[in-house]
Amino acid sequence: MLVLAASTGLGQSDCERIVTGALAQPVLAVTSLAYAVAGMTVLCWAARVRAPLAGAAGAALVVVGAGSFAYHGPQPSWAKVAHDWSIAAAGAVYAVGLTRSRPRWSAWTGPAGVFTLGLAAYVAGRSRSPLCRPDSLWQFHGVWHVLSAAAAAWAAPALAPDPRVGVRWRR
């Protein structure tokens, strides 16, 4: 495996070694697609239940997936901007949802737990972490991608205007 030092510095703090080929960080590029899958799932659900803020979250997650894939994959010149701004946009949508759903904060408990596990994986997946194995298929930063995408999808019902949306009620 031929190793490159990326001139742009993209992904160098994310542990996985940057290599030649179509995908600079193959594991991280592939796991980035978890955001796109989560986003499409949320978009479909939000359209069905008519939850516009959740729809915005779904769209933002799809863009996060594309930006993160570009950042860890082919690394075009615009990848860092797409990566960073899409994450900021998704964070803003979820922050709005969190402030609007104060009476229903319990809906955020499960997703927050998964997100916290994801944050632990994020820290473990930094290049200076003692757990970093640059040539391994197991990348903690990739675990971060999957867990944070899952947490974002799980939190989507909390963005719906009706607190009962997404909950199965018995008659």
C-alpha atoms as a PDB file:
ATOM      1  CA  MET A   1       0.000   0.000   0.000  1.00  0.00           C
ATOM      2  CA  LEU A   2       1.565   3.273  -1.100  1.00  0.00           C
ATOM      3  CA  VAL A   3       1.184   6.055   1.438  1.00  0.00           C
ATOM      4  CA  LEU A   4       0.784   9.714   0.552  1.00  0.00           C
ATOM      5  CA  ALA A   5       1.176  12.798   2.632  1.00  0.00           C
ATOM      6  CA  ALA A   6      -1.788  14.868   1.525  1.00  0.00           C
ATOM      7  CA  SER A   7      -0.706  18.348   0.601  1.00  0.00           C
ATOM      8  CA  THR A   8      -3.989  19.771   1.860  1.00  0.00           C
ATOM      9  CA  GLY A   9      -3.774  18.021   5.205  1.00  0.00           C
ATOM     10  CA  LEU A  10      -7.280  16.611   4.797  1.00  0.00           C
ATOM     11  CA  GLY A  11      -8.023  13.798   7.198  1.00  0.00           C
ATOM     12  CA  GLN A  12      -4.563  13.674   8.735  1.00  0.00           C
ATOM     13  CA  SER A  13      -5.938  13.909  12.272  1.00  0.00           C
ATOM     14  CA  ASP A  14      -8.405  11.047  11.744  1.00  0.00           C
ATOM     15  CA  CYS A  15      -5.939   8.143  12.210  1.00  0.00           C
ATOM     16  CA  GLU A  16      -6.528   6.174   9.013  1.00  0.00           C
ATOM     17  CA  ARG A  17      -3.471   6.388   6.796  1.00  0.00           C
ATOM     18  CA  ILE A  18      -3.937   8.384   3.592  1.00  0.00           C
ATOM     19  CA  VAL A  19      -3.211   6.158   0.592  1.00  0.00           C
ATOM     20  CA  THR A  20      -3.130   6.455  -3.188  1.00  0.00           C
ATOM     21  CA  GLY A  21      -6.227   5.509  -5.106  1.00  0.00           C
ATOM     22  CA  ALA A  22      -9.726   6.773  -5.605  1.00  0.00           C
ATOM     23  CA  LEU A  23     -10.342   6.957  -1.845  1.00  0.00           C
ATOM     24  CA  ALA A  24      -7.636   8.541   0.310  1.00  0.00           C
ATOM     25  CA  GLN A  25      -9.073   7.004   3.489  1.00  0.00           C
ATOM     26  CA  PRO A  26     -11.193   4.084   2.284  1.00  0.00           C
ATOM     27  CA  VAL A  27     -12.685   2.992   5.618  1.00  0.00           C
ATOM     28  CA  LEU A  28     -13.628   6.527   6.607  1.00  0.00           C
ATOM     29  CA  ALA A  29     -15.005   7.302   3.155  1.00  0.00           C
ATOM     30  CA  VAL A  30     -17.278   4.252   3.239  1.00  0.00           C
ATOM     31  CA  THR A  31     -18.438   4.817   6.832  1.00  0.00           C
ATOM     32  CA  SER A  32     -19.243   8.442   5.910  1.00  0.00           C
ATOM     33  CA  LEU A  33     -22.060   7.064   3.805  1.00  0.00           C
ATOM     34  CA  ALA A  34     -23.878   6.190   7.056  1.00  0.00           C
ATOM     35  CA  TYR A  35     -24.893   9.860   7.167  1.00  0.00           C
ATOM     36  CA  ALA A  36     -26.425   9.667   3.702  1.00  0.00           C
ATOM     37  CA  VAL A  37     -28.329   6.488   4.615  1.00  0.00           C
ATOM     38  CA  ALA A  38     -29.550   8.052   7.870  1.00  0.00           C
ATOM     39  CA  GLY A  39     -30.500  11.221   6.018  1.00  0.00           C
ATOM     40  CA  MET A  40     -32.495   9.394   3.340  1.00  0.00           C
ATOM     41  CA  THR A  41     -34.284   7.406   6.047  1.00  0.00           C
ATOM     42  CA  VAL A  42     -35.160  10.587   7.939  1.00  0.00           C
ATOM     43  CA  LEU A  43     -36.240  12.361   4.730  1.00  0.00           C
ATOM     44  CA  CYS A  44     -38.636   9.547   3.795  1.00  0.00           C
ATOM     45  CA  TRP A  45     -40.085   9.416   7.301  1.00  0.00           C
ATOM     46  CA  ALA A  46     -40.389  13.211   7.570  1.00  0.00           C
ATOM     47  CA  ALA A  47     -42.232  13.425   4.249  1.00  0.00           C
ATOM     48  CA  ARG A  48     -44.671  10.733   5.349  1.00  0.00           C
ATOM     49  CA  VAL A  49     -45.495  12.374   8.697  1.00  0.00           C
ATOM     50  CA  ARG A  50     -45.183  15.962   7.425  1.00  0.00           C
ATOM     51  CA  ALA A  51     -42.384  17.056   9.754  1.00  0.00           C
ATOM     52  CA  PRO A  52     -40.522  19.878   7.977  1.00  0.00           C
ATOM     53  CA  LEU A  53     -37.778  20.365  10.580  1.00  0.00           C
ATOM     54  CA  ALA A  54     -37.058  16.636  10.530  1.00  0.00           C
ATOM     55  CA  GLY A  55     -36.985  16.878   6.733  1.00  0.00           C
ATOM     56  CA  ALA A  56     -34.391  19.641   6.992  1.00  0.00           C
ATOM     57  CA  ALA A  57     -32.370  17.406   9.315  1.00  0.00           C
ATOM     58  CA  GLY A  58     -32.610  14.552   6.825  1.00  0.00           C
ATOM     59  CA  ALA A  59     -31.447  16.783   3.981  1.00  0.00           C
ATOM     60  CA  ALA A  60     -28.583  18.093   6.111  1.00  0.00           C
ATOM     61  CA  LEU A  61     -27.513  14.531   6.941  1.00  0.00           C
ATOM     62  CA  VAL A  62     -27.446  13.593   3.256  1.00  0.00           C
ATOM     63  CA  VAL A  63     -25.198  16.590   2.602  1.00  0.00           C
ATOM     64  CA  VAL A  64     -22.995  15.643   5.593  1.00  0.00           C
ATOM     65  CA  GLY A  65     -22.623  12.196   4.040  1.00  0.00           C
ATOM     66  CA  ALA A  66     -21.619  13.673   0.694  1.00  0.00           C
ATOM     67  CA  GLY A  67     -19.233  16.189   2.256  1.00  0.00           C
ATOM     68  CA  SER A  68     -17.641  13.630   4.537  1.00  0.00           C
ATOM     69  CA  PHE A  69     -17.291  11.153   1.678  1.00  0.00           C
ATOM     70  CA  ALA A  70     -15.575  13.821  -0.422  1.00  0.00           C
ATOM     71  CA  TYR A  71     -13.321  14.749   2.515  1.00  0.00           C
ATOM     72  CA  HIS A  72     -12.197  11.192   3.306  1.00  0.00           C
ATOM     73  CA  GLY A  73     -12.497   9.845  -0.237  1.00  0.00           C
ATOM     74  CA  PRO A  74     -11.383  11.643  -3.394  1.00  0.00           C
ATOM     75  CA  GLN A  75     -10.488  14.850  -1.483  1.00  0.00           C
ATOM     76  CA  PRO A  76     -11.296  17.503  -4.117  1.00  0.00           C
ATOM     77  CA  SER A  77     -10.307  21.096  -3.356  1.00  0.00           C
ATOM     78  CA  TRP A  78     -13.770  21.926  -1.972  1.00  0.00           C
ATOM     79  CA  ALA A  79     -14.004  18.889   0.347  1.00  0.00           C
ATOM     80  CA  LYS A  80     -13.034  20.617   3.603  1.00  0.00           C
ATOM     81  CA  VAL A  81     -15.608  23.375   3.111  1.00  0.00           C
ATOM     82  CA  ALA A  82     -18.332  20.858   2.195  1.00  0.00           C
ATOM     83  CA  HIS A  83     -17.407  18.669   5.173  1.00  0.00           C
ATOM     84  CA  ASP A  84     -17.254  21.435   7.769  1.00  0.00           C
ATOM     85  CA  TRP A  85     -20.223  23.550   6.651  1.00  0.00           C
ATOM     86  CA  SER A  86     -22.560  20.592   6.238  1.00  0.00           C
ATOM     87  CA  ILE A  87     -21.787  19.480   9.793  1.00  0.00           C
ATOM     88  CA  ALA A  88     -22.452  23.013  11.048  1.00  0.00           C
ATOM     89  CA  ALA A  89     -25.769  23.105   9.159  1.00  0.00           C
ATOM     90  CA  ALA A  90     -26.877  19.758  10.583  1.00  0.00           C
ATOM     91  CA  GLY A  91     -25.869  20.873  14.071  1.00  0.00           C
ATOM     92  CA  ALA A  92     -27.904  24.058  13.664  1.00  0.00           C
ATOM     93  CA  VAL A  93     -31.016  22.130  12.601  1.00  0.00           C
ATOM     94  CA  TYR A  94     -30.737  19.802  15.592  1.00  0.00           C
ATOM     95  CA  ALA A  95     -30.059  22.745  17.944  1.00  0.00           C
ATOM     96  CA  VAL A  96     -33.272  24.406  16.745  1.00  0.00           C
ATOM     97  CA  GLY A  97     -35.116  21.135  17.301  1.00  0.00           C
ATOM     98  CA  LEU A  98     -33.684  20.761  20.782  1.00  0.00           C
ATOM     99  CA  THR A  99     -34.744  24.257  21.815  1.00  0.00           C
ATOM    100  CA  ARG A 100     -38.233  23.741  20.362  1.00  0.00           C
ATOM    101  CA  SER A 101     -38.845  20.436  22.139  1.00  0.00           C
ATOM    102  CA  ARG A 102     -38.088  21.343  25.750  1.00  0.00           C
ATOM    103  CA  PRO A 103     -41.212  19.634  27.107  1.00  0.00           C
ATOM    104  CA  ARG A 104     -40.093  16.448  25.324  1.00  0.00           C
ATOM    105  CA  TRP A 105     -36.429  16.305  26.274  1.00  0.00           C
ATOM    106  CA  SER A 106     -36.826  12.637  27.164  1.00  0.00           C
ATOM    107  CA  ALA A 107     -37.072  11.968  23.416  1.00  0.00           C
ATOM    108  CA  TRP A 108     -33.410  12.992  23.174  1.00  0.00           C
ATOM    109  CA  THR A 109     -32.116  10.654  25.916  1.00  0.00           C
ATOM    110  CA  GLY A 110     -31.488   7.555  23.794  1.00  0.00           C
ATOM    111  CA  PRO A 111     -29.954   9.447  20.873  1.00  0.00           C
ATOM    112  CA  ALA A 112     -27.781  11.421  23.311  1.00  0.00           C
ATOM    113  CA  GLY A 113     -26.460   8.170  24.773  1.00  0.00           C
ATOM    114  CA  VAL A 114     -25.533   6.837  21.340  1.00  0.00           C
ATOM    115  CA  PHE A 115     -24.008  10.197  20.413  1.00  0.00           C
ATOM    116  CA  THR A 116     -21.917  10.111  23.614  1.00  0.00           C
ATOM    117  CA  LEU A 117     -20.571   6.678  22.668  1.00  0.00           C
ATOM    118  CA  GLY A 118     -19.809   8.144  19.257  1.00  0.00           C
ATOM    119  CA  LEU A 119     -17.888  11.004  20.858  1.00  0.00           C
ATOM    120  CA  ALA A 120     -15.787   8.481  22.782  1.00  0.00           C
ATOM    121  CA  ALA A 121     -15.021   6.746  19.481  1.00  0.00           C
ATOM    122  CA  TYR A 122     -14.190  10.127  17.924  1.00  0.00           C
ATOM    123  CA  VAL A 123     -11.617  10.815  20.648  1.00  0.00           C
ATOM    124  CA  ALA A 124     -10.214   7.282  20.364  1.00  0.00           C
ATOM    125  CA  GLY A 125      -9.936   7.756  16.607  1.00  0.00           C
ATOM    126  CA  ARG A 126      -7.661  10.781  16.620  1.00  0.00           C
ATOM    127  CA  SER A 127      -4.213  10.294  15.112  1.00  0.00           C
ATOM    128  CA  ARG A 128      -2.444  10.960  18.422  1.00  0.00           C
ATOM    129  CA  SER A 129      -4.630   8.510  20.340  1.00  0.00           C
ATOM    130  CA  PRO A 130      -2.891   5.417  21.732  1.00  0.00           C
ATOM    131  CA  LEU A 131      -5.716   3.400  20.127  1.00  0.00           C
ATOM    132  CA  CYS A 132      -4.937   4.702  16.630  1.00  0.00           C
ATOM    133  CA  ARG A 133      -3.974   1.947  14.172  1.00  0.00           C
ATOM    134  CA  PRO A 134      -3.558   3.753  10.814  1.00  0.00           C
ATOM    135  CA  ASP A 135      -3.529   0.582   8.686  1.00  0.00           C
ATOM    136  CA  SER A 136      -6.397  -1.237  10.404  1.00  0.00           C
ATOM    137  CA  LEU A 137      -9.829  -1.780   8.887  1.00  0.00           C
ATOM    138  CA  TRP A 138     -11.200  -0.961  12.358  1.00  0.00           C
ATOM    139  CA  GLN A 139     -11.171   2.822  12.565  1.00  0.00           C
ATOM    140  CA  PHE A 140     -12.653   4.506  15.620  1.00  0.00           C
ATOM    141  CA  HIS A 141     -13.376   7.597  13.527  1.00  0.00           C
ATOM    142  CA  GLY A 142     -15.466   5.330  11.297  1.00  0.00           C
ATOM    143  CA  VAL A 143     -17.340   4.156  14.404  1.00  0.00           C
ATOM    144  CA  TRP A 144     -17.975   7.842  15.135  1.00  0.00           C
ATOM    145  CA  HIS A 145     -19.498   8.217  11.667  1.00  0.00           C
ATOM    146  CA  VAL A 146     -21.867   5.277  12.160  1.00  0.00           C
ATOM    147  CA  LEU A 147     -22.884   6.064  15.752  1.00  0.00           C
ATOM    148  CA  SER A 148     -23.415   9.793  15.200  1.00  0.00           C
ATOM    149  CA  ALA A 149     -25.465   9.069  12.066  1.00  0.00           C
ATOM    150  CA  ALA A 150     -27.573   6.554  14.003  1.00  0.00           C
ATOM    151  CA  ALA A 151     -28.074   9.036  16.852  1.00  0.00           C
ATOM    152  CA  ALA A 152     -29.142  11.745  14.402  1.00  0.00           C
ATOM    153  CA  ALA A 153     -31.665   9.434  12.744  1.00  0.00           C
ATOM    154  CA  TRP A 154     -33.000   8.269  16.115  1.00  0.00           C
ATOM    155  CA  ALA A 155     -33.442  11.891  17.240  1.00  0.00           C
ATOM    156  CA  ALA A 156     -35.516  12.822  14.175  1.00  0.00           C
ATOM    157  CA  PRO A 157     -38.919  12.103  15.800  1.00  0.00           C
ATOM    158  CA  ALA A 158     -38.089  14.711  18.453  1.00  0.00           C
ATOM    159  CA  LEU A 159     -38.031  17.265  15.619  1.00  0.00           C
ATOM    160  CA  ALA A 160     -41.646  16.557  14.656  1.00  0.00           C
ATOM    161  CA  PRO A 161     -44.247  19.153  15.680  1.00  0.00           C
ATOM    162  CA  ASP A 162     -46.525  16.529  17.278  1.00  0.00           C
ATOM    163  CA  PRO A 163     -44.917  14.667  20.199  1.00  0.00           C
ATOM    164  CA  ARG A 164     -46.844  11.508  19.287  1.00  0.00           C
ATOM    165  CA  VAL A 165     -45.297  11.294  15.813  1.00  0.00           C
ATOM    166  CA  GLY A 166     -43.106   8.253  15.539  1.00  0.00           C
ATOM    167  CA  VAL A 167     -44.723   6.606  18.554  1.00  0.00           C
ATOM    168  CA  ARG A 168     -47.118   3.708  18.091  1.00  0.00           C
ATOM    169  CA  TRP A 169     -50.215   4.326  20.183  1.00  0.00           C
ATOM    170  CA  ARG A 170     -52.603   1.555  21.239  1.00  0.00           C
ATOM    171  CA  ARG A 171     -56.321   2.204  21.061  1.00  0.00           C
END
